[in-house]
Amino acid sequence: MFDGIFASLADPLLLPAWADTWFPSLRFAAFACALRALLFALSFPLHDDIMADDGGGHAAITEHRWGDWIWLGSIATMVIGGAAVELKTRRGTSGSENPMQTSSSPS
């Protein structure tokens, strides 16, 4: 459940960001979703407790460990990559339409 913890909205925003990355016409939307996800994710250190069960019980957050920071870093990577692609595209120096596509050299 949401329970007022905005960081929990970051993951659902990443799904359209990842999906939209594959379509050149939607790359700005991918960047915008990733940026919103990062803004929501940055709120995770502001909370002292988290909902632990469906009955409304809460558990204290005692520390933030490396998994939290890897999660945040992966979202930041999506934002930085999206910004780089968007800047490259706007400057008119874009390469192939698909960033995952490799070019084959003639034999």
C-alpha atoms as a PDB file:
ATOM      1  CA  MET A   1       0.000   0.000   0.000  1.00  0.00           C
ATOM      2  CA  PHE A   2       0.966   3.610  -0.443  1.00  0.00           C
ATOM      3  CA  ASP A   3       0.536   4.741   3.214  1.00  0.00           C
ATOM      4  CA  GLY A   4       1.931   8.215   2.496  1.00  0.00           C
ATOM      5  CA  ILE A   5       5.427   7.015   1.595  1.00  0.00           C
ATOM      6  CA  PHE A   6       6.131   8.661  -1.740  1.00  0.00           C
ATOM      7  CA  ALA A   7       9.248   6.556  -2.385  1.00  0.00           C
ATOM      8  CA  SER A   8       6.924   3.618  -3.028  1.00  0.00           C
ATOM      9  CA  LEU A   9       5.708   5.393  -6.183  1.00  0.00           C
ATOM     10  CA  ALA A  10       9.178   5.302  -7.763  1.00  0.00           C
ATOM     11  CA  ASP A  11       9.053   1.687  -8.935  1.00  0.00           C
ATOM     12  CA  PRO A  12       5.738   1.955 -10.823  1.00  0.00           C
ATOM     13  CA  LEU A  13       7.133   4.998 -12.660  1.00  0.00           C
ATOM     14  CA  LEU A  14      10.190   3.054 -13.778  1.00  0.00           C
ATOM     15  CA  LEU A  15       8.192   0.552 -15.806  1.00  0.00           C
ATOM     16  CA  PRO A  16       7.014   3.105 -18.419  1.00  0.00           C
ATOM     17  CA  ALA A  17      10.464   4.710 -18.342  1.00  0.00           C
ATOM     18  CA  TRP A  18      12.095   1.416 -19.306  1.00  0.00           C
ATOM     19  CA  ALA A  19       9.428   0.576 -21.887  1.00  0.00           C
ATOM     20  CA  ASP A  20       9.449   4.023 -23.525  1.00  0.00           C
ATOM     21  CA  THR A  21      13.242   3.937 -23.938  1.00  0.00           C
ATOM     22  CA  TRP A  22      12.884   1.538 -26.873  1.00  0.00           C
ATOM     23  CA  PHE A  23      10.718   3.936 -28.903  1.00  0.00           C
ATOM     24  CA  PRO A  24      12.503   7.050 -30.229  1.00  0.00           C
ATOM     25  CA  SER A  25       9.310   9.108 -30.236  1.00  0.00           C
ATOM     26  CA  LEU A  26       8.754   8.356 -26.524  1.00  0.00           C
ATOM     27  CA  ARG A  27      12.272   8.920 -25.197  1.00  0.00           C
ATOM     28  CA  PHE A  28      11.385  12.265 -23.634  1.00  0.00           C
ATOM     29  CA  ALA A  29       8.472  10.584 -21.837  1.00  0.00           C
ATOM     30  CA  ALA A  30      10.920   7.924 -20.607  1.00  0.00           C
ATOM     31  CA  PHE A  31      13.207  10.632 -19.261  1.00  0.00           C
ATOM     32  CA  ALA A  32      10.279  12.443 -17.598  1.00  0.00           C
ATOM     33  CA  CYS A  33       9.069   9.224 -15.902  1.00  0.00           C
ATOM     34  CA  ALA A  34      12.582   8.409 -14.714  1.00  0.00           C
ATOM     35  CA  LEU A  35      13.033  11.932 -13.329  1.00  0.00           C
ATOM     36  CA  ARG A  36       9.745  11.704 -11.418  1.00  0.00           C
ATOM     37  CA  ALA A  37      10.773   8.282 -10.116  1.00  0.00           C
ATOM     38  CA  LEU A  38      14.070   9.736  -8.870  1.00  0.00           C
ATOM     39  CA  LEU A  39      12.311  12.604  -7.115  1.00  0.00           C
ATOM     40  CA  PHE A  40       9.988  10.160  -5.355  1.00  0.00           C
ATOM     41  CA  ALA A  41      12.867   7.806  -4.512  1.00  0.00           C
ATOM     42  CA  LEU A  42      14.897  10.616  -2.951  1.00  0.00           C
ATOM     43  CA  SER A  43      12.248  10.882  -0.235  1.00  0.00           C
ATOM     44  CA  PHE A  44      13.055   7.442   1.224  1.00  0.00           C
ATOM     45  CA  PRO A  45      15.463   8.703   3.945  1.00  0.00           C
ATOM     46  CA  LEU A  46      12.732  11.014   5.288  1.00  0.00           C
ATOM     47  CA  HIS A  47      10.657   8.183   6.757  1.00  0.00           C
ATOM     48  CA  ASP A  48      11.117   6.578  10.175  1.00  0.00           C
ATOM     49  CA  ASP A  49       8.759   3.656   9.671  1.00  0.00           C
ATOM     50  CA  ILE A  50       7.131   1.609   6.944  1.00  0.00           C
ATOM     51  CA  MET A  51       3.908  -0.349   6.715  1.00  0.00           C
ATOM     52  CA  ALA A  52       4.775  -3.954   7.551  1.00  0.00           C
ATOM     53  CA  ASP A  53       1.498  -5.791   6.948  1.00  0.00           C
ATOM     54  CA  ASP A  54      -1.962  -5.444   5.443  1.00  0.00           C
ATOM     55  CA  GLY A  55      -3.468  -4.865   8.876  1.00  0.00           C
ATOM     56  CA  GLY A  56      -1.848  -1.437   9.065  1.00  0.00           C
ATOM     57  CA  GLY A  57       1.018  -2.434  11.356  1.00  0.00           C
ATOM     58  CA  HIS A  58       4.214  -0.427  11.041  1.00  0.00           C
ATOM     59  CA  ALA A  59       7.849  -1.364  11.555  1.00  0.00           C
ATOM     60  CA  ALA A  60      10.673   1.020  12.354  1.00  0.00           C
ATOM     61  CA  ILE A  61      13.346   1.657   9.746  1.00  0.00           C
ATOM     62  CA  THR A  62      16.551   1.255  11.738  1.00  0.00           C
ATOM     63  CA  GLU A  63      19.114   1.829   9.007  1.00  0.00           C
ATOM     64  CA  HIS A  64      19.571   2.275   5.279  1.00  0.00           C
ATOM     65  CA  ARG A  65      21.887  -0.332   3.843  1.00  0.00           C
ATOM     66  CA  TRP A  66      23.636  -0.786   0.514  1.00  0.00           C
ATOM     67  CA  GLY A  67      20.534  -2.160  -1.252  1.00  0.00           C
ATOM     68  CA  ASP A  68      18.712   1.137  -0.714  1.00  0.00           C
ATOM     69  CA  TRP A  69      21.571   3.080  -2.253  1.00  0.00           C
ATOM     70  CA  ILE A  70      21.924   0.694  -5.212  1.00  0.00           C
ATOM     71  CA  TRP A  71      18.176   1.117  -5.854  1.00  0.00           C
ATOM     72  CA  LEU A  72      18.562   4.901  -5.774  1.00  0.00           C
ATOM     73  CA  GLY A  73      21.685   4.766  -7.934  1.00  0.00           C
ATOM     74  CA  SER A  74      19.964   2.645 -10.571  1.00  0.00           C
ATOM     75  CA  ILE A  75      17.164   5.194 -10.859  1.00  0.00           C
ATOM     76  CA  ALA A  76      19.714   8.028 -11.064  1.00  0.00           C
ATOM     77  CA  THR A  77      21.500   6.112 -13.841  1.00  0.00           C
ATOM     78  CA  MET A  78      18.244   5.940 -15.800  1.00  0.00           C
ATOM     79  CA  VAL A  79      17.818   9.723 -15.415  1.00  0.00           C
ATOM     80  CA  ILE A  80      21.402  10.507 -16.430  1.00  0.00           C
ATOM     81  CA  GLY A  81      21.217   8.155 -19.418  1.00  0.00           C
ATOM     82  CA  GLY A  82      17.862   9.604 -20.474  1.00  0.00           C
ATOM     83  CA  ALA A  83      19.203  13.143 -20.212  1.00  0.00           C
ATOM     84  CA  ALA A  84      22.286  12.231 -22.265  1.00  0.00           C
ATOM     85  CA  VAL A  85      20.199  10.644 -25.023  1.00  0.00           C
ATOM     86  CA  GLU A  86      17.774  13.572 -25.024  1.00  0.00           C
ATOM     87  CA  LEU A  87      20.606  16.124 -25.278  1.00  0.00           C
ATOM     88  CA  LYS A  88      22.298  14.147 -28.052  1.00  0.00           C
ATOM     89  CA  THR A  89      19.015  13.885 -29.958  1.00  0.00           C
ATOM     90  CA  ARG A  90      18.231  17.591 -29.612  1.00  0.00           C
ATOM     91  CA  ARG A  91      21.679  18.515 -30.917  1.00  0.00           C
ATOM     92  CA  GLY A  92      21.004  16.429 -34.008  1.00  0.00           C
ATOM     93  CA  THR A  93      23.905  14.050 -33.517  1.00  0.00           C
ATOM     94  CA  SER A  94      21.907  10.925 -32.802  1.00  0.00           C
ATOM     95  CA  GLY A  95      23.316   7.683 -34.100  1.00  0.00           C
ATOM     96  CA  SER A  96      21.163   4.642 -34.633  1.00  0.00           C
ATOM     97  CA  GLU A  97      17.491   4.639 -33.759  1.00  0.00           C
ATOM     98  CA  ASN A  98      17.943   1.846 -31.230  1.00  0.00           C
ATOM     99  CA  PRO A  99      20.727   2.363 -28.634  1.00  0.00           C
ATOM    100  CA  MET A 100      20.988  -1.402 -28.104  1.00  0.00           C
ATOM    101  CA  GLN A 101      21.464  -2.119 -31.811  1.00  0.00           C
ATOM    102  CA  THR A 102      25.022  -2.873 -32.890  1.00  0.00           C
ATOM    103  CA  SER A 103      26.315  -2.036 -36.316  1.00  0.00           C
ATOM    104  CA  SER A 104      27.818  -4.793 -38.360  1.00  0.00           C
ATOM    105  CA  SER A 105      30.952  -4.196 -40.353  1.00  0.00           C
ATOM    106  CA  PRO A 106      31.088  -5.306 -44.006  1.00  0.00           C
ATOM    107  CA  SER A 107      32.944  -8.563 -44.625  1.00  0.00           C
END
